Amino acid sequence: MSSISASALQNLDESSRKDIMQFIEAEQSKSKVQMSIHNFTDMCFKKCNANKPITNGSLDSSEEACLTNCLNRFLDTNIKVVQALQGQQH
């Protein structure tokens, strides 16, 4: 939020301030999700490629199976974490 000064926010009405803060929070959440996806993709690619040289633009069957498995474990884990967090909120 360094590009928005506190004084600029104070000059806005309460509703506008709230809207801007919600927008900033949503953008920060999107950024975190994108960074997680990037890190996950990098981790799975390194795990499944095992530093083999890339010789063409497609995956071989073992790489594809490994990436599918890695993706499914990632999604399963995230679903479990979200469910656990939701359970704690109630």
Protein backbone atom coordinates (compact mmCIF):
# COMPACT_ATOMS: atom_id res chain seq x y z
CA MET A 1 0.00 0.00 0.00
CA SER A 2 3.04 2.27 -0.27
CA SER A 3 1.62 4.01 -3.37
CA ILE A 4 -1.49 5.20 -1.49
CA SER A 5 -0.75 7.77 1.16
CA ALA A 6 -2.57 7.73 4.48
CA SER A 7 -3.65 11.34 3.93
CA ALA A 8 -5.20 10.45 0.56
CA LEU A 9 -7.23 7.71 2.25
CA GLN A 10 -8.30 10.08 5.02
CA ASN A 11 -9.71 12.50 2.44
CA LEU A 12 -12.16 9.84 1.24
CA ASP A 13 -15.52 9.11 2.76
CA GLU A 14 -15.85 5.98 4.92
CA SER A 15 -17.55 3.93 2.19
CA SER A 16 -14.83 4.72 -0.38
CA ARG A 17 -12.09 3.97 2.16
CA LYS A 18 -13.69 0.63 2.93
CA ASP A 19 -14.03 -0.19 -0.80
CA ILE A 20 -10.37 0.64 -1.46
CA MET A 21 -9.16 -1.40 1.50
CA GLN A 22 -11.27 -4.39 0.39
CA PHE A 23 -9.88 -4.04 -3.14
CA ILE A 24 -6.30 -3.95 -1.82
CA GLU A 25 -6.90 -7.01 0.35
CA ALA A 26 -8.42 -8.89 -2.61
CA GLU A 27 -5.44 -7.99 -4.82
CA GLN A 28 -3.00 -9.09 -2.12
CA SER A 29 -4.85 -12.40 -1.82
CA LYS A 30 -4.70 -12.89 -5.59
CA SER A 31 -0.99 -12.16 -5.52
CA LYS A 32 -0.43 -14.74 -2.78
CA VAL A 33 -2.38 -17.37 -4.74
CA GLN A 34 -0.41 -16.62 -7.91
CA MET A 35 2.88 -16.87 -6.01
CA SER A 36 1.79 -20.19 -4.48
CA ILE A 37 0.88 -21.55 -7.91
CA HIS A 38 4.20 -20.38 -9.32
CA ASN A 39 6.15 -21.98 -6.46
CA PHE A 40 4.12 -25.18 -6.71
CA THR A 41 4.60 -25.41 -10.47
CA ASP A 42 8.34 -24.87 -10.09
CA MET A 43 8.59 -27.50 -7.34
CA CYS A 44 6.59 -30.12 -9.27
CA PHE A 45 8.46 -29.47 -12.51
CA LYS A 46 11.81 -29.91 -10.76
CA LYS A 47 10.57 -33.04 -9.00
CA CYS A 48 9.10 -34.63 -12.11
CA ASN A 49 11.72 -33.57 -14.63
CA ALA A 50 14.61 -34.70 -12.39
CA ASN A 51 16.95 -32.28 -14.20
CA LYS A 52 16.68 -34.13 -17.50
CA PRO A 53 17.46 -31.89 -20.46
CA ILE A 54 14.40 -30.56 -22.25
CA THR A 55 14.54 -31.94 -25.77
CA ASN A 56 11.08 -31.04 -27.07
CA GLY A 57 7.94 -29.10 -26.19
CA SER A 58 5.98 -31.97 -24.67
CA LEU A 59 6.15 -34.16 -21.60
CA ASP A 60 6.88 -37.86 -21.75
CA SER A 61 4.35 -40.20 -20.13
CA SER A 62 6.25 -40.56 -16.85
CA GLU A 63 6.64 -36.77 -16.49
CA GLU A 64 2.95 -36.25 -17.25
CA ALA A 65 1.90 -38.88 -14.69
CA CYS A 66 4.23 -37.36 -12.10
CA LEU A 67 2.90 -33.83 -12.67
CA THR A 68 -0.70 -35.04 -12.48
CA ASN A 69 0.06 -36.83 -9.22
CA CYS A 70 1.88 -33.79 -7.83
CA LEU A 71 -1.03 -31.51 -8.77
CA ASN A 72 -3.58 -33.84 -7.18
CA ARG A 73 -1.61 -34.04 -3.91
CA PHE A 74 -1.29 -30.25 -3.86
CA LEU A 75 -5.04 -29.79 -4.36
CA ASP A 76 -5.91 -32.47 -1.80
CA THR A 77 -3.65 -30.83 0.76
CA ASN A 78 -5.07 -27.36 0.13
CA ILE A 79 -8.64 -28.64 0.45
CA LYS A 80 -7.81 -30.32 3.78
CA VAL A 81 -6.14 -27.14 5.08
CA VAL A 82 -9.11 -24.96 4.08
CA GLN A 83 -11.55 -27.43 5.67
CA ALA A 84 -9.51 -27.47 8.88
CA LEU A 85 -9.39 -23.67 8.99
CA GLN A 86 -13.12 -23.40 8.36
CA GLY A 87 -13.74 -25.90 11.16
CA GLN A 88 -11.71 -23.74 13.55
CA GLN A 89 -13.80 -20.65 12.74
CA HIS A 90 -17.05 -22.22 13.91
